[in-house]
PDB file of N, CA and C in Angstrom:
ATOM      1  N   MET A   1      95.904  85.354 110.829  1.00  0.00           N
ATOM      2  CA  MET A   1      96.246  84.244 110.205  1.00  0.00           C
ATOM      3  C   MET A   1      96.931  83.131 111.244  1.00  0.00           C
ATOM      4  N   LYS A   2      96.672  81.853 111.046  1.00  0.00           N
ATOM      5  CA  LYS A   2      97.440  80.975 111.930  1.00  0.00           C
ATOM      6  C   LYS A   2      98.834  80.737 111.348  1.00  0.00           C
ATOM      7  N   THR A   3      99.844  80.693 112.164  1.00  0.00           N
ATOM      8  CA  THR A   3     101.094  80.690 111.851  1.00  0.00           C
ATOM      9  C   THR A   3     101.741  79.483 112.894  1.00  0.00           C
ATOM     10  N   PRO A   4     102.680  78.797 112.599  1.00  0.00           N
ATOM     11  CA  PRO A   4     103.208  77.790 113.451  1.00  0.00           C
ATOM     12  C   PRO A   4     103.497  78.356 114.971  1.00  0.00           C
ATOM     13  N   ASN A   5     103.055  77.465 115.921  1.00  0.00           N
ATOM     14  CA  ASN A   5     103.163  77.906 117.306  1.00  0.00           C
ATOM     15  C   ASN A   5     102.433  79.194 117.699  1.00  0.00           C
ATOM     16  N   MET A   6     101.541  79.618 116.900  1.00  0.00           N
ATOM     17  CA  MET A   6     100.658  80.786 117.471  1.00  0.00           C
ATOM     18  C   MET A   6      99.181  80.439 117.165  1.00  0.00           C
ATOM     19  N   ALA A   7      98.425  81.078 118.087  1.00  0.00           N
ATOM     20  CA  ALA A   7      97.017  80.757 118.038  1.00  0.00           C
ATOM     21  C   ALA A   7      96.522  81.658 116.760  1.00  0.00           C
ATOM     22  N   PRO A   8      95.326  81.174 116.278  1.00  0.00           N
ATOM     23  CA  PRO A   8      94.857  81.865 115.218  1.00  0.00           C
ATOM     24  C   PRO A   8      94.293  83.362 115.659  1.00  0.00           C
ATOM     25  N   LYS A   9      94.299  84.193 114.788  1.00  0.00           N
ATOM     26  CA  LYS A   9      93.782  85.551 115.134  1.00  0.00           C
ATOM     27  C   LYS A   9      92.223  85.393 115.484  1.00  0.00           C
ATOM     28  N   LYS A  10      91.616  86.175 116.345  1.00  0.00           N
ATOM     29  CA  LYS A  10      90.245  85.982 116.681  1.00  0.00           C
ATOM     30  C   LYS A  10      89.409  87.111 116.037  1.00  0.00           C
ATOM     31  N   ILE A  11      88.580  86.865 115.322  1.00  0.00           N
ATOM     32  CA  ILE A  11      87.739  87.885 114.567  1.00  0.00           C
ATOM     33  C   ILE A  11      86.279  87.825 115.150  1.00  0.00           C
ATOM     34  N   LEU A  12      85.518  88.977 115.424  1.00  0.00           N
ATOM     35  CA  LEU A  12      84.248  88.923 115.959  1.00  0.00           C
ATOM     36  C   LEU A  12      83.440  89.622 114.783  1.00  0.00           C
ATOM     37  N   ILE A  13      82.331  89.170 114.348  1.00  0.00           N
ATOM     38  CA  ILE A  13      81.607  89.670 113.225  1.00  0.00           C
ATOM     39  C   ILE A  13      80.133  90.100 113.938  1.00  0.00           C
ATOM     40  N   ILE A  14      79.778  91.442 113.902  1.00  0.00           N
ATOM     41  CA  ILE A  14      78.257  91.706 114.222  1.00  0.00           C
ATOM     42  C   ILE A  14      77.587  92.000 113.176  1.00  0.00           C
ATOM     43  N   ASP A  15      76.610  91.534 112.813  1.00  0.00           N
ATOM     44  CA  ASP A  15      75.788  91.841 111.673  1.00  0.00           C
ATOM     45  C   ASP A  15      74.264  91.276 111.919  1.00  0.00           C
ATOM     46  N   ASP A  16      73.270  91.894 111.541  1.00  0.00           N
ATOM     47  CA  ASP A  16      71.994  91.291 111.664  1.00  0.00           C
ATOM     48  C   ASP A  16      71.632  90.594 110.451  1.00  0.00           C
ATOM     49  N   ASN A  17      72.454  90.241 109.425  1.00  0.00           N
ATOM     50  CA  ASN A  17      72.216  89.590 108.316  1.00  0.00           C
ATOM     51  C   ASN A  17      72.860  88.279 108.416  1.00  0.00           C
ATOM     52  N   GLU A  18      72.058  87.216 108.458  1.00  0.00           N
ATOM     53  CA  GLU A  18      72.570  85.830 108.715  1.00  0.00           C
ATOM     54  C   GLU A  18      73.565  85.339 107.650  1.00  0.00           C
ATOM     55  N   GLY A  19      73.079  85.800 106.310  1.00  0.00           N
ATOM     56  CA  GLY A  19      73.792  85.348 105.036  1.00  0.00           C
ATOM     57  C   GLY A  19      75.201  86.195 105.062  1.00  0.00           C
ATOM     58  N   ILE A  20      75.254  87.346 105.670  1.00  0.00           N
ATOM     59  CA  ILE A  20      76.487  87.870 105.637  1.00  0.00           C
ATOM     60  C   ILE A  20      77.549  87.269 106.882  1.00  0.00           C
ATOM     61  N   LEU A  21      76.806  87.115 108.052  1.00  0.00           N
ATOM     62  CA  LEU A  21      77.604  86.248 109.045  1.00  0.00           C
ATOM     63  C   LEU A  21      78.114  85.045 108.418  1.00  0.00           C
ATOM     64  N   PHE A  22      77.125  84.221 107.784  1.00  0.00           N
ATOM     65  CA  PHE A  22      77.716  82.972 107.412  1.00  0.00           C
ATOM     66  C   PHE A  22      78.804  83.116 106.268  1.00  0.00           C
ATOM     67  N   ALA A  23      78.884  83.955 105.393  1.00  0.00           N
ATOM     68  CA  ALA A  23      79.918  84.158 104.542  1.00  0.00           C
ATOM     69  C   ALA A  23      80.970  84.698 104.878  1.00  0.00           C
ATOM     70  N   VAL A  24      80.966  85.600 105.797  1.00  0.00           N
ATOM     71  CA  VAL A  24      82.284  86.245 106.210  1.00  0.00           C
ATOM     72  C   VAL A  24      82.895  85.311 107.182  1.00  0.00           C
ATOM     73  N   LYS A  25      82.128  84.631 108.230  1.00  0.00           N
ATOM     74  CA  LYS A  25      82.788  83.474 108.790  1.00  0.00           C
ATOM     75  C   LYS A  25      83.416  82.660 108.187  1.00  0.00           C
ATOM     76  N   LYS A  26      82.678  81.964 107.075  1.00  0.00           N
ATOM     77  CA  LYS A  26      83.444  80.831 106.277  1.00  0.00           C
ATOM     78  C   LYS A  26      84.710  81.414 105.673  1.00  0.00           C
ATOM     79  N   ALA A  27      84.633  82.626 105.033  1.00  0.00           N
ATOM     80  CA  ALA A  27      85.664  83.283 104.409  1.00  0.00           C
ATOM     81  C   ALA A  27      86.897  83.468 105.356  1.00  0.00           C
ATOM     82  N   LEU A  28      86.695  83.852 106.426  1.00  0.00           N
ATOM     83  CA  LEU A  28      87.833  84.073 107.330  1.00  0.00           C
ATOM     84  C   LEU A  28      88.383  82.896 107.905  1.00  0.00           C
ATOM     85  N   GLU A  29      87.384  81.793 107.994  1.00  0.00           N
ATOM     86  CA  GLU A  29      88.104  80.421 108.529  1.00  0.00           C
ATOM     87  C   GLU A  29      88.926  79.810 107.346  1.00  0.00           C
ATOM     88  N   LEU A  30      88.473  80.036 106.191  1.00  0.00           N
ATOM     89  CA  LEU A  30      89.340  79.538 105.141  1.00  0.00           C
ATOM     90  C   LEU A  30      90.792  79.930 105.053  1.00  0.00           C
ATOM     91  N   LYS A  31      90.982  81.239 105.606  1.00  0.00           N
ATOM     92  CA  LYS A  31      92.241  81.743 105.779  1.00  0.00           C
ATOM     93  C   LYS A  31      92.873  81.480 107.120  1.00  0.00           C
ATOM     94  N   GLY A  32      92.177  80.758 107.983  1.00  0.00           N
ATOM     95  CA  GLY A  32      92.965  80.215 109.246  1.00  0.00           C
ATOM     96  C   GLY A  32      92.527  81.145 110.469  1.00  0.00           C
ATOM     97  N   TYR A  33      91.599  82.124 110.301  1.00  0.00           N
ATOM     98  CA  TYR A  33      91.066  82.920 111.277  1.00  0.00           C
ATOM     99  C   TYR A  33      90.135  82.139 112.241  1.00  0.00           C
ATOM    100  N   GLU A  34      90.102  82.576 113.495  1.00  0.00           N
ATOM    101  CA  GLU A  34      88.952  81.987 114.418  1.00  0.00           C
ATOM    102  C   GLU A  34      87.818  83.002 114.462  1.00  0.00           C
ATOM    103  N   ALA A  35      86.706  82.756 113.762  1.00  0.00           N
ATOM    104  CA  ALA A  35      85.732  83.666 113.568  1.00  0.00           C
ATOM    105  C   ALA A  35      84.332  83.483 114.648  1.00  0.00           C
ATOM    106  N   HIS A  36      83.890  84.450 115.198  1.00  0.00           N
ATOM    107  CA  HIS A  36      82.914  84.342 116.067  1.00  0.00           C
ATOM    108  C   HIS A  36      81.805  85.377 115.423  1.00  0.00           C
ATOM    109  N   THR A  37      80.559  85.019 115.672  1.00  0.00           N
ATOM    110  CA  THR A  37      79.509  85.727 115.159  1.00  0.00           C
ATOM    111  C   THR A  37      78.346  86.136 116.131  1.00  0.00           C
ATOM    112  N   SER A  38      77.649  87.192 115.808  1.00  0.00           N
ATOM    113  CA  SER A  38      76.520  87.700 116.504  1.00  0.00           C
ATOM    114  C   SER A  38      75.576  88.440 115.806  1.00  0.00           C
ATOM    115  N   GLU A  39      74.303  88.338 115.800  1.00  0.00           N
ATOM    116  CA  GLU A  39      73.437  89.027 115.114  1.00  0.00           C
ATOM    117  C   GLU A  39      73.053  90.326 115.911  1.00  0.00           C
ATOM    118  N   THR A  40      73.377  90.460 117.062  1.00  0.00           N
ATOM    119  CA  THR A  40      73.281  91.768 117.883  1.00  0.00           C
ATOM    120  C   THR A  40      74.516  92.044 118.535  1.00  0.00           C
ATOM    121  N   PHE A  41      74.504  93.505 119.070  1.00  0.00           N
ATOM    122  CA  PHE A  41      75.555  93.824 120.058  1.00  0.00           C
ATOM    123  C   PHE A  41      75.129  93.320 121.125  1.00  0.00           C
ATOM    124  N   MET A  42      76.139  92.710 121.812  1.00  0.00           N
ATOM    125  CA  MET A  42      75.815  91.924 123.153  1.00  0.00           C
ATOM    126  C   MET A  42      76.471  92.702 124.313  1.00  0.00           C
ATOM    127  N   GLY A  43      77.040  93.757 124.270  1.00  0.00           N
ATOM    128  CA  GLY A  43      77.550  94.678 125.203  1.00  0.00           C
ATOM    129  C   GLY A  43      78.901  94.631 125.263  1.00  0.00           C
ATOM    130  N   VAL A  44      79.563  95.846 125.767  1.00  0.00           N
ATOM    131  CA  VAL A  44      80.991  95.879 126.159  1.00  0.00           C
ATOM    132  C   VAL A  44      81.706  94.713 126.703  1.00  0.00           C
ATOM    133  N   ILE A  45      81.037  94.200 127.751  1.00  0.00           N
ATOM    134  CA  ILE A  45      81.759  93.169 128.604  1.00  0.00           C
ATOM    135  C   ILE A  45      81.710  91.843 127.846  1.00  0.00           C
ATOM    136  N   ALA A  46      80.664  91.611 127.049  1.00  0.00           N
ATOM    137  CA  ALA A  46      80.634  90.225 126.050  1.00  0.00           C
ATOM    138  C   ALA A  46      81.720  90.523 125.146  1.00  0.00           C
ATOM    139  N   VAL A  47      82.026  91.731 124.463  1.00  0.00           N
ATOM    140  CA  VAL A  47      83.030  91.713 123.444  1.00  0.00           C
ATOM    141  C   VAL A  47      84.237  91.596 124.122  1.00  0.00           C
ATOM    142  N   ALA A  48      84.480  92.298 125.255  1.00  0.00           N
ATOM    143  CA  ALA A  48      85.842  92.124 126.123  1.00  0.00           C
ATOM    144  C   ALA A  48      86.119  90.620 126.427  1.00  0.00           C
ATOM    145  N   ASN A  49      85.144  89.906 126.696  1.00  0.00           N
ATOM    146  CA  ASN A  49      85.377  88.455 127.103  1.00  0.00           C
ATOM    147  C   ASN A  49      85.797  87.729 125.761  1.00  0.00           C
ATOM    148  N   VAL A  50      85.063  87.977 124.689  1.00  0.00           N
ATOM    149  CA  VAL A  50      85.533  87.243 123.390  1.00  0.00           C
ATOM    150  C   VAL A  50      86.887  87.717 123.190  1.00  0.00           C
ATOM    151  N   ALA A  51      87.448  88.941 123.419  1.00  0.00           N
ATOM    152  CA  ALA A  51      88.771  89.382 123.264  1.00  0.00           C
ATOM    153  C   ALA A  51      89.247  89.174 121.719  1.00  0.00           C
ATOM    154  N   PRO A  52      88.410  89.636 120.731  1.00  0.00           N
ATOM    155  CA  PRO A  52      88.755  89.714 119.245  1.00  0.00           C
ATOM    156  C   PRO A  52      89.814  90.501 119.164  1.00  0.00           C
ATOM    157  N   ASP A  53      90.658  90.102 118.011  1.00  0.00           N
ATOM    158  CA  ASP A  53      91.751  90.928 117.545  1.00  0.00           C
ATOM    159  C   ASP A  53      91.346  91.952 116.472  1.00  0.00           C
ATOM    160  N   LEU A  54      90.187  91.693 115.987  1.00  0.00           N
ATOM    161  CA  LEU A  54      89.416  92.499 115.002  1.00  0.00           C
ATOM    162  C   LEU A  54      87.878  92.354 115.209  1.00  0.00           C
ATOM    163  N   LEU A  55      87.322  93.553 115.050  1.00  0.00           N
ATOM    164  CA  LEU A  55      85.666  93.546 114.891  1.00  0.00           C
ATOM    165  C   LEU A  55      85.293  94.131 113.679  1.00  0.00           C
ATOM    166  N   TYR A  56      84.320  93.179 113.074  1.00  0.00           N
ATOM    167  CA  TYR A  56      83.628  93.652 111.899  1.00  0.00           C
ATOM    168  C   TYR A  56      82.259  94.032 112.343  1.00  0.00           C
ATOM    169  N   LEU A  57      81.751  95.268 112.178  1.00  0.00           N
ATOM    170  CA  LEU A  57      80.460  95.805 112.579  1.00  0.00           C
ATOM    171  C   LEU A  57      79.576  96.445 111.749  1.00  0.00           C
ATOM    172  N   ASP A  58      78.275  95.963 111.494  1.00  0.00           N
ATOM    173  CA  ASP A  58      77.258  96.496 110.603  1.00  0.00           C
ATOM    174  C   ASP A  58      76.856  97.761 111.112  1.00  0.00           C
ATOM    175  N   VAL A  59      76.946  98.832 110.434  1.00  0.00           N
ATOM    176  CA  VAL A  59      76.266 100.131 110.703  1.00  0.00           C
ATOM    177  C   VAL A  59      74.786 100.024 111.101  1.00  0.00           C
ATOM    178  N   SER A  60      73.952  99.356 110.341  1.00  0.00           N
ATOM    179  CA  SER A  60      72.630  99.220 110.555  1.00  0.00           C
ATOM    180  C   SER A  60      72.165  97.955 111.151  1.00  0.00           C
ATOM    181  N   LEU A  61      72.383  98.007 112.574  1.00  0.00           N
ATOM    182  CA  LEU A  61      71.959  96.761 113.295  1.00  0.00           C
ATOM    183  C   LEU A  61      70.459  97.112 114.022  1.00  0.00           C
ATOM    184  N   VAL A  62      69.713  95.694 114.035  1.00  0.00           N
ATOM    185  CA  VAL A  62      68.386  95.985 114.782  1.00  0.00           C
ATOM    186  C   VAL A  62      68.587  96.337 116.091  1.00  0.00           C
ATOM    187  N   GLY A  63      67.942  97.277 116.619  1.00  0.00           N
ATOM    188  CA  GLY A  63      67.962  97.620 117.958  1.00  0.00           C
ATOM    189  C   GLY A  63      68.905  98.514 118.682  1.00  0.00           C
ATOM    190  N   LYS A  64      70.210  98.784 117.680  1.00  0.00           N
ATOM    191  CA  LYS A  64      71.313  99.701 118.191  1.00  0.00           C
ATOM    192  C   LYS A  64      71.844 100.045 116.798  1.00  0.00           C
ATOM    193  N   ASP A  65      72.094 101.205 116.764  1.00  0.00           N
ATOM    194  CA  ASP A  65      73.030 101.781 115.498  1.00  0.00           C
ATOM    195  C   ASP A  65      74.400 101.380 115.819  1.00  0.00           C
ATOM    196  N   GLY A  66      74.951 100.757 114.645  1.00  0.00           N
ATOM    197  CA  GLY A  66      76.533 100.300 114.654  1.00  0.00           C
ATOM    198  C   GLY A  66      77.517 101.374 114.993  1.00  0.00           C
ATOM    199  N   ARG A  67      77.116 102.621 114.649  1.00  0.00           N
ATOM    200  CA  ARG A  67      77.858 103.729 114.932  1.00  0.00           C
ATOM    201  C   ARG A  67      78.063 104.065 116.316  1.00  0.00           C
ATOM    202  N   GLU A  68      76.865 103.939 117.109  1.00  0.00           N
ATOM    203  CA  GLU A  68      76.896 104.113 118.488  1.00  0.00           C
ATOM    204  C   GLU A  68      77.543 102.921 119.307  1.00  0.00           C
ATOM    205  N   VAL A  69      77.532 101.784 118.818  1.00  0.00           N
ATOM    206  CA  VAL A  69      78.176 100.701 119.317  1.00  0.00           C
ATOM    207  C   VAL A  69      79.775 100.902 119.244  1.00  0.00           C
ATOM    208  N   ALA A  70      80.145 101.409 117.982  1.00  0.00           N
ATOM    209  CA  ALA A  70      81.576 101.573 117.868  1.00  0.00           C
ATOM    210  C   ALA A  70      82.117 102.686 118.815  1.00  0.00           C
ATOM    211  N   GLN A  71      81.328 103.806 118.978  1.00  0.00           N
ATOM    212  CA  GLN A  71      81.627 104.654 119.929  1.00  0.00           C
ATOM    213  C   GLN A  71      81.672 104.157 121.553  1.00  0.00           C
ATOM    214  N   GLU A  72      80.739 103.306 121.684  1.00  0.00           N
ATOM    215  CA  GLU A  72      80.729 102.774 123.147  1.00  0.00           C
ATOM    216  C   GLU A  72      82.013 101.943 123.343  1.00  0.00           C
ATOM    217  N   LEU A  73      82.215 101.064 122.254  1.00  0.00           N
ATOM    218  CA  LEU A  73      83.590 100.326 122.389  1.00  0.00           C
ATOM    219  C   LEU A  73      84.950 100.937 122.338  1.00  0.00           C
ATOM    220  N   LYS A  74      84.839 102.112 121.556  1.00  0.00           N
ATOM    221  CA  LYS A  74      86.129 102.946 121.552  1.00  0.00           C
ATOM    222  C   LYS A  74      86.249 103.779 122.846  1.00  0.00           C
ATOM    223  N   GLY A  75      85.239 104.110 123.537  1.00  0.00           N
ATOM    224  CA  GLY A  75      85.070 104.720 124.868  1.00  0.00           C
ATOM    225  C   GLY A  75      85.586 103.950 126.004  1.00  0.00           C
ATOM    226  N   ASN A  76      85.567 102.623 125.939  1.00  0.00           N
ATOM    227  CA  ASN A  76      85.721 101.780 126.961  1.00  0.00           C
ATOM    228  C   ASN A  76      87.154 101.359 127.023  1.00  0.00           C
ATOM    229  N   ASP A  77      87.812 101.336 128.299  1.00  0.00           N
ATOM    230  CA  ASP A  77      89.394 101.059 128.453  1.00  0.00           C
ATOM    231  C   ASP A  77      89.453  99.413 128.096  1.00  0.00           C
ATOM    232  N   LYS A  78      88.479  98.668 128.322  1.00  0.00           N
ATOM    233  CA  LYS A  78      88.421  97.110 127.920  1.00  0.00           C
ATOM    234  C   LYS A  78      88.430  96.983 126.413  1.00  0.00           C
ATOM    235  N   THR A  79      88.068  97.724 125.731  1.00  0.00           N
ATOM    236  CA  THR A  79      87.685  97.288 124.398  1.00  0.00           C
ATOM    237  C   THR A  79      88.311  98.614 123.360  1.00  0.00           C
ATOM    238  N   LYS A  80      88.839  99.503 123.765  1.00  0.00           N
ATOM    239  CA  LYS A  80      89.254 100.528 123.026  1.00  0.00           C
ATOM    240  C   LYS A  80      90.163 100.319 121.901  1.00  0.00           C
ATOM    241  N   HIS A  81      91.210  99.323 122.378  1.00  0.00           N
ATOM    242  CA  HIS A  81      92.362  98.961 121.505  1.00  0.00           C
ATOM    243  C   HIS A  81      91.921  97.865 120.270  1.00  0.00           C
ATOM    244  N   ILE A  82      90.611  97.552 120.239  1.00  0.00           N
ATOM    245  CA  ILE A  82      90.171  96.473 119.290  1.00  0.00           C
ATOM    246  C   ILE A  82      89.870  97.319 117.909  1.00  0.00           C
ATOM    247  N   PRO A  83      90.522  96.959 116.981  1.00  0.00           N
ATOM    248  CA  PRO A  83      90.201  97.688 115.626  1.00  0.00           C
ATOM    249  C   PRO A  83      88.721  97.342 115.289  1.00  0.00           C
ATOM    250  N   ILE A  84      88.075  98.194 114.744  1.00  0.00           N
ATOM    251  CA  ILE A  84      86.864  98.118 114.140  1.00  0.00           C
ATOM    252  C   ILE A  84      86.572  98.421 112.771  1.00  0.00           C
ATOM    253  N   VAL A  85      86.136  97.461 111.893  1.00  0.00           N
ATOM    254  CA  VAL A  85      85.936  97.802 110.611  1.00  0.00           C
ATOM    255  C   VAL A  85      84.486  97.652 110.327  1.00  0.00           C
ATOM    256  N   MET A  86      83.840  98.631 109.874  1.00  0.00           N
ATOM    257  CA  MET A  86      82.403  98.811 109.764  1.00  0.00           C
ATOM    258  C   MET A  86      81.861  98.331 108.228  1.00  0.00           C
ATOM    259  N   PHE A  87      81.008  97.510 108.289  1.00  0.00           N
ATOM    260  CA  PHE A  87      80.116  97.202 107.011  1.00  0.00           C
ATOM    261  C   PHE A  87      79.024  98.086 106.836  1.00  0.00           C
ATOM    262  N   THR A  88      78.922  98.483 105.589  1.00  0.00           N
ATOM    263  CA  THR A  88      77.797  99.449 105.171  1.00  0.00           C
ATOM    264  C   THR A  88      77.438  99.436 103.693  1.00  0.00           C
ATOM    265  N   ALA A  89      76.246  99.501 103.345  1.00  0.00           N
ATOM    266  CA  ALA A  89      75.867  99.673 101.963  1.00  0.00           C
ATOM    267  C   ALA A  89      75.480 101.031 101.721  1.00  0.00           C
ATOM    268  N   TYR A  90      75.563 102.016 102.795  1.00  0.00           N
ATOM    269  CA  TYR A  90      75.554 103.326 102.523  1.00  0.00           C
ATOM    270  C   TYR A  90      76.464 104.002 101.506  1.00  0.00           C
ATOM    271  N   PRO A  91      76.344 104.839 100.806  1.00  0.00           N
ATOM    272  CA  PRO A  91      77.258 105.634  99.758  1.00  0.00           C
ATOM    273  C   PRO A  91      78.491 106.145 100.592  1.00  0.00           C
ATOM    274  N   ASN A  92      78.235 106.770 101.657  1.00  0.00           N
ATOM    275  CA  ASN A  92      79.222 107.540 102.446  1.00  0.00           C
ATOM    276  C   ASN A  92      79.832 106.819 103.475  1.00  0.00           C
ATOM    277  N   ALA A  93      80.294 105.595 103.094  1.00  0.00           N
ATOM    278  CA  ALA A  93      80.879 104.630 103.983  1.00  0.00           C
ATOM    279  C   ALA A  93      82.050 105.260 104.792  1.00  0.00           C
ATOM    280  N   SER A  94      82.922 105.832 104.193  1.00  0.00           N
ATOM    281  CA  SER A  94      84.166 106.196 104.811  1.00  0.00           C
ATOM    282  C   SER A  94      83.670 107.396 105.917  1.00  0.00           C
ATOM    283  N   GLU A  95      82.802 108.291 105.551  1.00  0.00           N
ATOM    284  CA  GLU A  95      82.430 109.225 106.462  1.00  0.00           C
ATOM    285  C   GLU A  95      81.770 108.589 107.582  1.00  0.00           C
ATOM    286  N   LEU A  96      80.895 107.649 107.449  1.00  0.00           N
ATOM    287  CA  LEU A  96      80.209 107.061 108.718  1.00  0.00           C
ATOM    288  C   LEU A  96      81.017 106.172 109.613  1.00  0.00           C
ATOM    289  N   ALA A  97      81.982 105.620 108.839  1.00  0.00           N
ATOM    290  CA  ALA A  97      82.867 105.014 109.783  1.00  0.00           C
ATOM    291  C   ALA A  97      83.738 105.877 110.433  1.00  0.00           C
ATOM    292  N   LYS A  98      84.243 107.061 109.976  1.00  0.00           N
ATOM    293  CA  LYS A  98      85.168 107.996 110.727  1.00  0.00           C
ATOM    294  C   LYS A  98      84.275 108.573 111.658  1.00  0.00           C
ATOM    295  N   GLU A  99      83.211 108.875 111.487  1.00  0.00           N
ATOM    296  CA  GLU A  99      82.194 109.680 112.597  1.00  0.00           C
ATOM    297  C   GLU A  99      81.987 108.650 113.671  1.00  0.00           C
ATOM    298  N   ALA A 100      81.955 107.354 113.565  1.00  0.00           N
ATOM    299  CA  ALA A 100      81.726 106.428 114.642  1.00  0.00           C
ATOM    300  C   ALA A 100      82.989 106.129 115.239  1.00  0.00           C
ATOM    301  N   GLY A 101      84.087 106.401 114.726  1.00  0.00           N
ATOM    302  CA  GLY A 101      85.370 106.024 115.439  1.00  0.00           C
ATOM    303  C   GLY A 101      86.115 104.840 114.953  1.00  0.00           C
ATOM    304  N   ALA A 102      85.581 104.375 114.037  1.00  0.00           N
ATOM    305  CA  ALA A 102      85.906 103.077 113.448  1.00  0.00           C
ATOM    306  C   ALA A 102      87.398 103.251 112.928  1.00  0.00           C
ATOM    307  N   ASP A 103      88.131 102.150 112.689  1.00  0.00           N
ATOM    308  CA  ASP A 103      89.459 102.353 112.198  1.00  0.00           C
ATOM    309  C   ASP A 103      89.463 101.985 110.544  1.00  0.00           C
ATOM    310  N   GLY A 104      88.321 101.536 109.991  1.00  0.00           N
ATOM    311  CA  GLY A 104      88.160 101.337 108.646  1.00  0.00           C
ATOM    312  C   GLY A 104      86.792 100.947 108.268  1.00  0.00           C
ATOM    313  N   PHE A 105      86.457 100.771 107.028  1.00  0.00           N
ATOM    314  CA  PHE A 105      85.075 100.321 106.496  1.00  0.00           C
ATOM    315  C   PHE A 105      85.346  99.534 105.332  1.00  0.00           C
ATOM    316  N   LEU A 106      84.101  98.646 105.176  1.00  0.00           N
ATOM    317  CA  LEU A 106      84.077  97.816 103.885  1.00  0.00           C
ATOM    318  C   LEU A 106      82.706  97.939 103.394  1.00  0.00           C
ATOM    319  N   SER A 107      82.406  98.603 102.114  1.00  0.00           N
ATOM    320  CA  SER A 107      81.254  98.941 101.565  1.00  0.00           C
ATOM    321  C   SER A 107      80.656  97.414 100.979  1.00  0.00           C
ATOM    322  N   LYS A 108      79.198  97.411 101.272  1.00  0.00           N
ATOM    323  CA  LYS A 108      78.642  96.179 100.875  1.00  0.00           C
ATOM    324  C   LYS A 108      78.105  96.519  99.499  1.00  0.00           C
ATOM    325  N   PRO A 109      78.012  95.401  98.527  1.00  0.00           N
ATOM    326  CA  PRO A 109      78.862  94.100  98.690  1.00  0.00           C
ATOM    327  C   PRO A 109      80.285  94.413  98.597  1.00  0.00           C
ATOM    328  N   PHE A 110      81.019  93.427  99.105  1.00  0.00           N
ATOM    329  CA  PHE A 110      82.490  93.612  98.961  1.00  0.00           C
ATOM    330  C   PHE A 110      82.913  92.271  98.449  1.00  0.00           C
ATOM    331  N   GLU A 111      84.436  92.263  97.882  1.00  0.00           N
ATOM    332  CA  GLU A 111      85.112  91.146  97.271  1.00  0.00           C
ATOM    333  C   GLU A 111      85.537  90.355  98.361  1.00  0.00           C
ATOM    334  N   LEU A 112      85.790  89.204  98.571  1.00  0.00           N
ATOM    335  CA  LEU A 112      86.376  88.283  99.549  1.00  0.00           C
ATOM    336  C   LEU A 112      87.828  88.744  99.485  1.00  0.00           C
ATOM    337  N   GLU A 113      88.652  89.059  98.315  1.00  0.00           N
ATOM    338  CA  GLU A 113      90.041  89.338  98.367  1.00  0.00           C
ATOM    339  C   GLU A 113      90.055  90.720  99.216  1.00  0.00           C
ATOM    340  N   LEU A 114      89.270  91.608  99.236  1.00  0.00           N
ATOM    341  CA  LEU A 114      89.301  92.775 100.012  1.00  0.00           C
ATOM    342  C   LEU A 114      89.135  92.665 101.416  1.00  0.00           C
ATOM    343  N   LEU A 115      88.083  91.797 101.764  1.00  0.00           N
ATOM    344  CA  LEU A 115      87.813  91.332 103.170  1.00  0.00           C
ATOM    345  C   LEU A 115      89.261  90.768 103.895  1.00  0.00           C
ATOM    346  N   TRP A 116      89.840  89.936 103.014  1.00  0.00           N
ATOM    347  CA  TRP A 116      90.962  89.035 103.596  1.00  0.00           C
ATOM    348  C   TRP A 116      92.333  90.355 103.688  1.00  0.00           C
ATOM    349  N   LYS A 117      92.152  91.162 102.758  1.00  0.00           N
ATOM    350  CA  LYS A 117      93.170  92.189 102.936  1.00  0.00           C
ATOM    351  C   LYS A 117      92.996  92.945 104.078  1.00  0.00           C
ATOM    352  N   MET A 118      91.879  93.419 104.317  1.00  0.00           N
ATOM    353  CA  MET A 118      91.490  94.300 105.486  1.00  0.00           C
ATOM    354  C   MET A 118      91.754  93.482 106.680  1.00  0.00           C
ATOM    355  N   THR A 119      91.429  92.250 106.736  1.00  0.00           N
ATOM    356  CA  THR A 119      91.721  91.278 107.887  1.00  0.00           C
ATOM    357  C   THR A 119      93.015  91.259 108.226  1.00  0.00           C
ATOM    358  N   GLU A 120      93.896  90.943 107.249  1.00  0.00           N
ATOM    359  CA  GLU A 120      95.351  90.874 107.453  1.00  0.00           C
ATOM    360  C   GLU A 120      95.903  92.293 107.911  1.00  0.00           C
ATOM    361  N   LYS A 121      95.600  93.365 107.276  1.00  0.00           N
ATOM    362  CA  LYS A 121      96.001  94.760 107.752  1.00  0.00           C
ATOM    363  C   LYS A 121      95.667  94.976 109.238  1.00  0.00           C
ATOM    364  N   TYR A 122      94.466  94.792 109.740  1.00  0.00           N
ATOM    365  CA  TYR A 122      94.323  95.053 110.884  1.00  0.00           C
ATOM    366  C   TYR A 122      94.575  94.007 112.220  1.00  0.00           C
ATOM    367  N   THR A 123      95.044  92.912 111.611  1.00  0.00           N
ATOM    368  CA  THR A 123      95.464  91.710 112.792  1.00  0.00           C
ATOM    369  C   THR A 123      96.918  91.598 112.682  1.00  0.00           C
ATOM    370  N   SER A 124      97.520  92.248 111.567  1.00  0.00           N
ATOM    371  CA  SER A 124      99.082  92.095 111.500  1.00  0.00           C
ATOM    372  C   SER A 124      99.762  93.083 112.676  1.00  0.00           C
ATOM    373  N   THR A 125     100.563  92.772 113.402  1.00  0.00           N
ATOM    374  CA  THR A 125     101.188  93.616 114.501  1.00  0.00           C
ATOM    375  C   THR A 125     102.036  94.591 113.966  1.00  0.00           C
ATOM    376  N   SER A 126     102.625  94.450 112.815  1.00  0.00           N
ATOM    377  CA  SER A 126     103.650  95.364 112.180  1.00  0.00           C
ATOM    378  C   SER A 126     102.669  96.491 111.597  1.00  0.00           C
ATOM    379  N   GLU A 127     101.505  96.143 110.765  1.00  0.00           N
ATOM    380  CA  GLU A 127     100.740  97.253 110.338  1.00  0.00           C
ATOM    381  C   GLU A 127      99.776  98.088 111.305  1.00  0.00           C
ATOM    382  N   LYS A 128      99.288  97.305 112.387  1.00  0.00           N
ATOM    383  CA  LYS A 128      98.502  97.901 113.150  1.00  0.00           C
ATOM    384  C   LYS A 128      99.125  98.997 114.191  1.00  0.00           C
ATOM    385  N   ASP A 129     100.425  98.743 114.411  1.00  0.00           N
ATOM    386  CA  ASP A 129     101.050  99.403 115.714  1.00  0.00           C
ATOM    387  C   ASP A 129     101.798 100.727 114.913  1.00  0.00           C
TER     388      ASP A 129
END
């Protein structure tokens, strides 16, 4: 969230659903976050270059499983510190997120209030550390 004399927290959203990308981006921008979106995983280096404070990642991506993406990011020194919250409509969301090494999960569909709470939780320095 944007506070005086501080840059807004940067959030990266990776989901192959344009509607989800649009809605989440707008919801986060309403709360003062800087939101970036991608319909595909663009690689560890590209994620490191964006340098997000938080990554929302869909489990079911076209071309690559989101769980593999999470494991790849958590296994790389340049990106392992980035909290990852997985989006999924699967009923075993917590199990899938844990298996992938993600920090949390949001079950689709989700309420905006929950999205904002999760975002605050994982971008707040006091809660994250």
